[in-house]
PDB file of N, CA and C in Angstrom:
ATOM      1  N   UNK A   1       1.000  -1.143   0.075  1.00  0.00           N
ATOM      2  CA  UNK A   1       0.459   0.323  -0.227  1.00  0.00           C
ATOM      3  C   UNK A   1       1.106   0.890   0.226  1.00  0.00           C
ATOM      4  N   UNK A   2       0.702   1.969  -0.902  1.00  0.00           N
ATOM      5  CA  UNK A   2       1.217   3.249  -0.911  1.00  0.00           C
ATOM      6  C   UNK A   2       1.263   4.141   0.365  1.00  0.00           C
ATOM      7  N   UNK A   3      -0.252   4.331   1.456  1.00  0.00           N
ATOM      8  CA  UNK A   3      -0.673   4.776   2.765  1.00  0.00           C
ATOM      9  C   UNK A   3      -0.796   4.324   4.377  1.00  0.00           C
ATOM     10  N   UNK A   4       0.088   4.344   4.730  1.00  0.00           N
ATOM     11  CA  UNK A   4      -1.012   3.505   5.834  1.00  0.00           C
ATOM     12  C   UNK A   4      -1.659   3.801   6.528  1.00  0.00           C
ATOM     13  N   UNK A   5      -2.953   3.931   7.256  1.00  0.00           N
ATOM     14  CA  UNK A   5      -2.843   5.199   8.010  1.00  0.00           C
ATOM     15  C   UNK A   5      -3.850   4.870   9.589  1.00  0.00           C
ATOM     16  N   UNK A   6      -3.577   4.739  10.474  1.00  0.00           N
ATOM     17  CA  UNK A   6      -3.632   3.830  11.828  1.00  0.00           C
ATOM     18  C   UNK A   6      -4.603   5.014  12.259  1.00  0.00           C
ATOM     19  N   UNK A   7      -6.465   5.324  12.562  1.00  0.00           N
ATOM     20  CA  UNK A   7      -7.151   5.606  12.926  1.00  0.00           C
ATOM     21  C   UNK A   7      -7.860   5.232  14.085  1.00  0.00           C
ATOM     22  N   UNK A   8      -7.713   6.136  15.270  1.00  0.00           N
ATOM     23  CA  UNK A   8      -8.500   5.996  16.323  1.00  0.00           C
ATOM     24  C   UNK A   8      -9.298   6.957  16.509  1.00  0.00           C
ATOM     25  N   UNK A   9     -10.781   5.814  16.767  1.00  0.00           N
ATOM     26  CA  UNK A   9     -12.193   6.197  17.142  1.00  0.00           C
ATOM     27  C   UNK A   9     -12.525   6.700  19.131  1.00  0.00           C
ATOM     28  N   UNK A  10     -12.495   7.488  18.965  1.00  0.00           N
ATOM     29  CA  UNK A  10     -12.604   7.545  21.220  1.00  0.00           C
ATOM     30  C   UNK A  10     -13.415   8.528  21.370  1.00  0.00           C
ATOM     31  N   UNK A  11     -13.776   7.895  22.522  1.00  0.00           N
ATOM     32  CA  UNK A  11     -14.972   8.219  22.843  1.00  0.00           C
ATOM     33  C   UNK A  11     -14.339  10.088  24.613  1.00  0.00           C
ATOM     34  N   UNK A  12     -13.188  10.608  24.015  1.00  0.00           N
ATOM     35  CA  UNK A  12     -12.702  11.225  24.920  1.00  0.00           C
ATOM     36  C   UNK A  12     -11.739  11.487  25.471  1.00  0.00           C
ATOM     37  N   UNK A  13     -10.824  11.738  26.544  1.00  0.00           N
ATOM     38  CA  UNK A  13      -9.789  11.406  26.743  1.00  0.00           C
ATOM     39  C   UNK A  13      -9.626  10.772  27.574  1.00  0.00           C
ATOM     40  N   UNK A  14      -7.914   9.524  28.415  1.00  0.00           N
ATOM     41  CA  UNK A  14      -8.330   8.506  28.680  1.00  0.00           C
ATOM     42  C   UNK A  14      -8.729   8.571  30.075  1.00  0.00           C
ATOM     43  N   UNK A  15      -9.006   7.725  30.563  1.00  0.00           N
ATOM     44  CA  UNK A  15      -9.236   7.972  31.881  1.00  0.00           C
ATOM     45  C   UNK A  15     -10.033   6.738  31.912  1.00  0.00           C
ATOM     46  N   UNK A  16      -9.961   5.850  33.241  1.00  0.00           N
ATOM     47  CA  UNK A  16     -10.224   4.854  34.085  1.00  0.00           C
ATOM     48  C   UNK A  16      -9.769   4.928  35.636  1.00  0.00           C
ATOM     49  N   UNK A  17     -11.173   5.096  36.181  1.00  0.00           N
ATOM     50  CA  UNK A  17     -10.756   5.541  37.412  1.00  0.00           C
ATOM     51  C   UNK A  17      -9.608   4.180  38.412  1.00  0.00           C
ATOM     52  N   UNK A  18     -10.074   2.760  38.181  1.00  0.00           N
ATOM     53  CA  UNK A  18      -9.155   2.053  38.759  1.00  0.00           C
ATOM     54  C   UNK A  18      -7.340   2.226  38.730  1.00  0.00           C
ATOM     55  N   UNK A  19      -7.034   3.057  37.299  1.00  0.00           N
ATOM     56  CA  UNK A  19      -5.968   2.877  36.844  1.00  0.00           C
ATOM     57  C   UNK A  19      -5.371   4.444  37.245  1.00  0.00           C
ATOM     58  N   UNK A  20      -6.798   4.969  37.548  1.00  0.00           N
ATOM     59  CA  UNK A  20      -6.499   7.030  38.170  1.00  0.00           C
ATOM     60  C   UNK A  20      -6.205   6.412  39.362  1.00  0.00           C
ATOM     61  N   UNK A  21      -6.522   5.747  39.994  1.00  0.00           N
ATOM     62  CA  UNK A  21      -6.182   5.610  41.864  1.00  0.00           C
ATOM     63  C   UNK A  21      -4.823   5.166  42.052  1.00  0.00           C
ATOM     64  N   UNK A  22      -4.258   4.474  41.225  1.00  0.00           N
ATOM     65  CA  UNK A  22      -3.683   3.273  41.199  1.00  0.00           C
ATOM     66  C   UNK A  22      -1.816   4.148  40.924  1.00  0.00           C
ATOM     67  N   UNK A  23      -2.301   5.281  39.815  1.00  0.00           N
ATOM     68  CA  UNK A  23      -1.197   5.530  39.581  1.00  0.00           C
ATOM     69  C   UNK A  23      -1.297   6.887  39.125  1.00  0.00           C
ATOM     70  N   UNK A  24      -2.127   7.671  39.431  1.00  0.00           N
ATOM     71  CA  UNK A  24      -2.665   9.194  39.504  1.00  0.00           C
ATOM     72  C   UNK A  24      -2.788   9.753  38.599  1.00  0.00           C
ATOM     73  N   UNK A  25      -3.893  10.655  38.289  1.00  0.00           N
ATOM     74  CA  UNK A  25      -4.423  11.114  36.872  1.00  0.00           C
ATOM     75  C   UNK A  25      -4.462  11.341  35.736  1.00  0.00           C
ATOM     76  N   UNK A  26      -3.503  11.464  36.016  1.00  0.00           N
ATOM     77  CA  UNK A  26      -2.298  11.621  34.266  1.00  0.00           C
ATOM     78  C   UNK A  26      -2.141  11.018  33.754  1.00  0.00           C
ATOM     79  N   UNK A  27      -1.846   9.146  34.146  1.00  0.00           N
ATOM     80  CA  UNK A  27      -0.509   8.248  34.149  1.00  0.00           C
ATOM     81  C   UNK A  27      -1.820   7.752  32.940  1.00  0.00           C
ATOM     82  N   UNK A  28      -3.145   8.346  31.986  1.00  0.00           N
ATOM     83  CA  UNK A  28      -3.612   6.907  31.054  1.00  0.00           C
ATOM     84  C   UNK A  28      -2.704   8.209  29.861  1.00  0.00           C
ATOM     85  N   UNK A  29      -3.374   9.584  30.455  1.00  0.00           N
ATOM     86  CA  UNK A  29      -3.133  10.597  28.936  1.00  0.00           C
ATOM     87  C   UNK A  29      -1.147  10.657  28.760  1.00  0.00           C
ATOM     88  N   UNK A  30      -0.269  10.653  29.639  1.00  0.00           N
ATOM     89  CA  UNK A  30       1.180  10.350  29.331  1.00  0.00           C
ATOM     90  C   UNK A  30       1.671   9.204  28.732  1.00  0.00           C
ATOM     91  N   UNK A  31       0.731   8.232  28.795  1.00  0.00           N
ATOM     92  CA  UNK A  31       1.116   7.330  28.382  1.00  0.00           C
ATOM     93  C   UNK A  31       0.622   7.377  26.849  1.00  0.00           C
ATOM     94  N   UNK A  32      -0.621   7.855  26.583  1.00  0.00           N
ATOM     95  CA  UNK A  32      -1.052   7.958  24.774  1.00  0.00           C
ATOM     96  C   UNK A  32      -0.771   8.622  24.242  1.00  0.00           C
ATOM     97  N   UNK A  33       0.184  10.267  25.155  1.00  0.00           N
ATOM     98  CA  UNK A  33       1.147  10.490  24.611  1.00  0.00           C
ATOM     99  C   UNK A  33       2.598   9.721  23.823  1.00  0.00           C
ATOM    100  N   UNK A  34       2.681   9.575  24.991  1.00  0.00           N
ATOM    101  CA  UNK A  34       4.253   8.758  24.651  1.00  0.00           C
ATOM    102  C   UNK A  34       3.990   7.708  24.053  1.00  0.00           C
ATOM    103  N   UNK A  35       2.796   7.092  23.539  1.00  0.00           N
ATOM    104  CA  UNK A  35       2.322   5.418  22.510  1.00  0.00           C
ATOM    105  C   UNK A  35       2.204   6.776  20.842  1.00  0.00           C
ATOM    106  N   UNK A  36       1.211   7.803  20.608  1.00  0.00           N
ATOM    107  CA  UNK A  36       1.588   8.974  19.916  1.00  0.00           C
ATOM    108  C   UNK A  36       3.038   9.240  19.287  1.00  0.00           C
ATOM    109  N   UNK A  37       3.086  10.077  20.276  1.00  0.00           N
ATOM    110  CA  UNK A  37       5.125  10.417  19.675  1.00  0.00           C
ATOM    111  C   UNK A  37       5.721   9.136  19.209  1.00  0.00           C
ATOM    112  N   UNK A  38       6.232   7.538  19.322  1.00  0.00           N
ATOM    113  CA  UNK A  38       6.019   6.206  19.288  1.00  0.00           C
ATOM    114  C   UNK A  38       5.501   6.395  17.873  1.00  0.00           C
ATOM    115  N   UNK A  39       4.378   6.531  17.573  1.00  0.00           N
ATOM    116  CA  UNK A  39       3.796   6.175  15.804  1.00  0.00           C
ATOM    117  C   UNK A  39       4.718   7.272  14.992  1.00  0.00           C
ATOM    118  N   UNK A  40       4.544   8.598  15.455  1.00  0.00           N
ATOM    119  CA  UNK A  40       4.786   9.820  14.865  1.00  0.00           C
ATOM    120  C   UNK A  40       5.967   9.298  14.043  1.00  0.00           C
ATOM    121  N   UNK A  41       6.747   8.566  14.719  1.00  0.00           N
ATOM    122  CA  UNK A  41       8.615   8.249  14.472  1.00  0.00           C
ATOM    123  C   UNK A  41       8.504   7.176  13.490  1.00  0.00           C
ATOM    124  N   UNK A  42       8.047   7.089  12.661  1.00  0.00           N
ATOM    125  CA  UNK A  42       7.306   6.367  12.060  1.00  0.00           C
ATOM    126  C   UNK A  42       7.104   6.664  10.602  1.00  0.00           C
ATOM    127  N   UNK A  43       8.041   6.456   9.728  1.00  0.00           N
ATOM    128  CA  UNK A  43       7.984   6.991   8.553  1.00  0.00           C
ATOM    129  C   UNK A  43       6.754   6.339   7.782  1.00  0.00           C
ATOM    130  N   UNK A  44       5.815   7.047   7.073  1.00  0.00           N
ATOM    131  CA  UNK A  44       4.818   6.365   6.170  1.00  0.00           C
ATOM    132  C   UNK A  44       3.781   6.143   7.129  1.00  0.00           C
ATOM    133  N   UNK A  45       3.681   5.913   8.020  1.00  0.00           N
ATOM    134  CA  UNK A  45       2.432   5.819   9.060  1.00  0.00           C
ATOM    135  C   UNK A  45       1.782   7.151   9.800  1.00  0.00           C
ATOM    136  N   UNK A  46       0.231   6.986   8.791  1.00  0.00           N
ATOM    137  CA  UNK A  46      -0.180   8.414   9.375  1.00  0.00           C
ATOM    138  C   UNK A  46      -0.961   7.678  10.368  1.00  0.00           C
ATOM    139  N   UNK A  47      -1.469   8.676  11.941  1.00  0.00           N
ATOM    140  CA  UNK A  47      -1.659   8.527  12.651  1.00  0.00           C
ATOM    141  C   UNK A  47      -3.745   9.948  12.617  1.00  0.00           C
ATOM    142  N   UNK A  48      -4.331   9.141  12.067  1.00  0.00           N
ATOM    143  CA  UNK A  48      -5.208   9.989  12.905  1.00  0.00           C
ATOM    144  C   UNK A  48      -6.423   9.502  13.687  1.00  0.00           C
ATOM    145  N   UNK A  49      -7.343  11.032  14.095  1.00  0.00           N
ATOM    146  CA  UNK A  49      -8.473  10.060  15.259  1.00  0.00           C
ATOM    147  C   UNK A  49      -9.457  11.224  14.861  1.00  0.00           C
ATOM    148  N   UNK A  50     -10.711  10.236  15.263  1.00  0.00           N
ATOM    149  CA  UNK A  50     -12.219  10.939  15.379  1.00  0.00           C
ATOM    150  C   UNK A  50     -12.422  10.597  17.063  1.00  0.00           C
ATOM    151  N   UNK A  51     -12.893  11.807  17.706  1.00  0.00           N
ATOM    152  CA  UNK A  51     -13.428  11.341  18.526  1.00  0.00           C
ATOM    153  C   UNK A  51     -14.809  12.237  18.906  1.00  0.00           C
ATOM    154  N   UNK A  52     -15.551  11.623  19.935  1.00  0.00           N
ATOM    155  CA  UNK A  52     -17.225  12.435  20.511  1.00  0.00           C
ATOM    156  C   UNK A  52     -16.887  12.483  21.343  1.00  0.00           C
ATOM    157  N   UNK A  53     -16.355  13.402  22.477  1.00  0.00           N
ATOM    158  CA  UNK A  53     -15.703  13.566  23.419  1.00  0.00           C
ATOM    159  C   UNK A  53     -14.784  14.992  22.953  1.00  0.00           C
ATOM    160  N   UNK A  54     -14.612  15.476  24.328  1.00  0.00           N
ATOM    161  CA  UNK A  54     -13.104  16.589  24.691  1.00  0.00           C
ATOM    162  C   UNK A  54     -12.265  15.618  24.641  1.00  0.00           C
ATOM    163  N   UNK A  55     -11.236  16.208  24.808  1.00  0.00           N
ATOM    164  CA  UNK A  55      -9.426  16.151  24.552  1.00  0.00           C
ATOM    165  C   UNK A  55      -9.195  15.262  23.689  1.00  0.00           C
ATOM    166  N   UNK A  56      -9.805  15.110  22.682  1.00  0.00           N
ATOM    167  CA  UNK A  56      -9.188  14.100  21.032  1.00  0.00           C
ATOM    168  C   UNK A  56      -7.930  15.311  21.051  1.00  0.00           C
ATOM    169  N   UNK A  57      -8.130  16.639  20.683  1.00  0.00           N
ATOM    170  CA  UNK A  57      -7.845  17.289  19.963  1.00  0.00           C
ATOM    171  C   UNK A  57      -6.841  17.750  20.665  1.00  0.00           C
ATOM    172  N   UNK A  58      -6.323  17.730  21.666  1.00  0.00           N
ATOM    173  CA  UNK A  58      -5.042  18.051  22.561  1.00  0.00           C
ATOM    174  C   UNK A  58      -4.713  17.157  22.611  1.00  0.00           C
ATOM    175  N   UNK A  59      -4.576  15.103  22.481  1.00  0.00           N
ATOM    176  CA  UNK A  59      -3.509  14.487  21.914  1.00  0.00           C
ATOM    177  C   UNK A  59      -3.218  14.633  20.703  1.00  0.00           C
ATOM    178  N   UNK A  60      -4.581  14.533  19.531  1.00  0.00           N
ATOM    179  CA  UNK A  60      -3.874  14.311  18.223  1.00  0.00           C
ATOM    180  C   UNK A  60      -3.090  15.405  17.185  1.00  0.00           C
ATOM    181  N   UNK A  61      -2.308  15.355  16.709  1.00  0.00           N
ATOM    182  CA  UNK A  61      -2.516  16.315  15.944  1.00  0.00           C
ATOM    183  C   UNK A  61      -3.226  16.785  14.323  1.00  0.00           C
ATOM    184  N   UNK A  62      -3.842  15.639  14.013  1.00  0.00           N
ATOM    185  CA  UNK A  62      -4.883  15.153  12.691  1.00  0.00           C
ATOM    186  C   UNK A  62      -5.960  14.555  13.884  1.00  0.00           C
ATOM    187  N   UNK A  63      -6.763  15.482  14.206  1.00  0.00           N
ATOM    188  CA  UNK A  63      -8.278  15.013  14.701  1.00  0.00           C
ATOM    189  C   UNK A  63      -9.001  15.968  14.420  1.00  0.00           C
ATOM    190  N   UNK A  64      -9.877  15.337  14.941  1.00  0.00           N
ATOM    191  CA  UNK A  64     -11.767  15.405  14.627  1.00  0.00           C
ATOM    192  C   UNK A  64     -12.806  15.541  15.747  1.00  0.00           C
ATOM    193  N   UNK A  65     -13.226  16.243  16.292  1.00  0.00           N
ATOM    194  CA  UNK A  65     -13.735  16.181  17.404  1.00  0.00           C
ATOM    195  C   UNK A  65     -15.441  16.581  16.603  1.00  0.00           C
ATOM    196  N   UNK A  66     -16.393  15.223  16.861  1.00  0.00           N
ATOM    197  CA  UNK A  66     -17.787  14.535  16.695  1.00  0.00           C
ATOM    198  C   UNK A  66     -18.442  15.410  17.890  1.00  0.00           C
ATOM    199  N   UNK A  67     -19.829  15.642  17.619  1.00  0.00           N
ATOM    200  CA  UNK A  67     -21.308  15.804  18.366  1.00  0.00           C
ATOM    201  C   UNK A  67     -21.384  14.570  19.017  1.00  0.00           C
ATOM    202  N   UNK A  68     -21.861  13.772  18.133  1.00  0.00           N
ATOM    203  CA  UNK A  68     -22.709  12.203  18.232  1.00  0.00           C
ATOM    204  C   UNK A  68     -21.818  10.783  16.951  1.00  0.00           C
ATOM    205  N   UNK A  69     -21.633  10.012  17.412  1.00  0.00           N
ATOM    206  CA  UNK A  69     -21.754   8.936  16.449  1.00  0.00           C
ATOM    207  C   UNK A  69     -22.761   9.180  14.533  1.00  0.00           C
ATOM    208  N   UNK A  70     -23.091   9.268  14.627  1.00  0.00           N
ATOM    209  CA  UNK A  70     -24.645  10.100  13.716  1.00  0.00           C
ATOM    210  C   UNK A  70     -23.383  10.640  12.976  1.00  0.00           C
ATOM    211  N   UNK A  71     -22.643  11.744  13.216  1.00  0.00           N
ATOM    212  CA  UNK A  71     -22.093  12.794  12.732  1.00  0.00           C
ATOM    213  C   UNK A  71     -21.061  11.560  11.776  1.00  0.00           C
ATOM    214  N   UNK A  72     -20.480  10.321  11.741  1.00  0.00           N
ATOM    215  CA  UNK A  72     -18.983   9.842  11.744  1.00  0.00           C
ATOM    216  C   UNK A  72     -19.827   9.638   9.790  1.00  0.00           C
ATOM    217  N   UNK A  73     -21.098   9.445   9.788  1.00  0.00           N
ATOM    218  CA  UNK A  73     -21.487   9.426   8.152  1.00  0.00           C
ATOM    219  C   UNK A  73     -21.152   9.895   7.537  1.00  0.00           C
ATOM    220  N   UNK A  74     -21.254  11.162   7.764  1.00  0.00           N
ATOM    221  CA  UNK A  74     -21.063  12.728   6.800  1.00  0.00           C
ATOM    222  C   UNK A  74     -19.335  12.933   6.545  1.00  0.00           C
ATOM    223  N   UNK A  75     -18.645  12.180   7.765  1.00  0.00           N
ATOM    224  CA  UNK A  75     -17.446  12.808   7.226  1.00  0.00           C
ATOM    225  C   UNK A  75     -16.881  11.808   6.110  1.00  0.00           C
TER     226      UNK A  75
END
């Protein structure tokens, strides 16, 4: 393939209560940002994100935030 695209669909900023209680509030966001940085170092791989909640644009350089899943059909 000439293009390799990794598309993330998410419902907002990464959060899970048990992980936050054990590791601190920002643990999952820090991990997500480390994974994004790692993936961006791979030539030929495009990382795109579509989110249905707050936070998606903060973490992904190429992101679209939608108000509802129904808007996905219009993309």
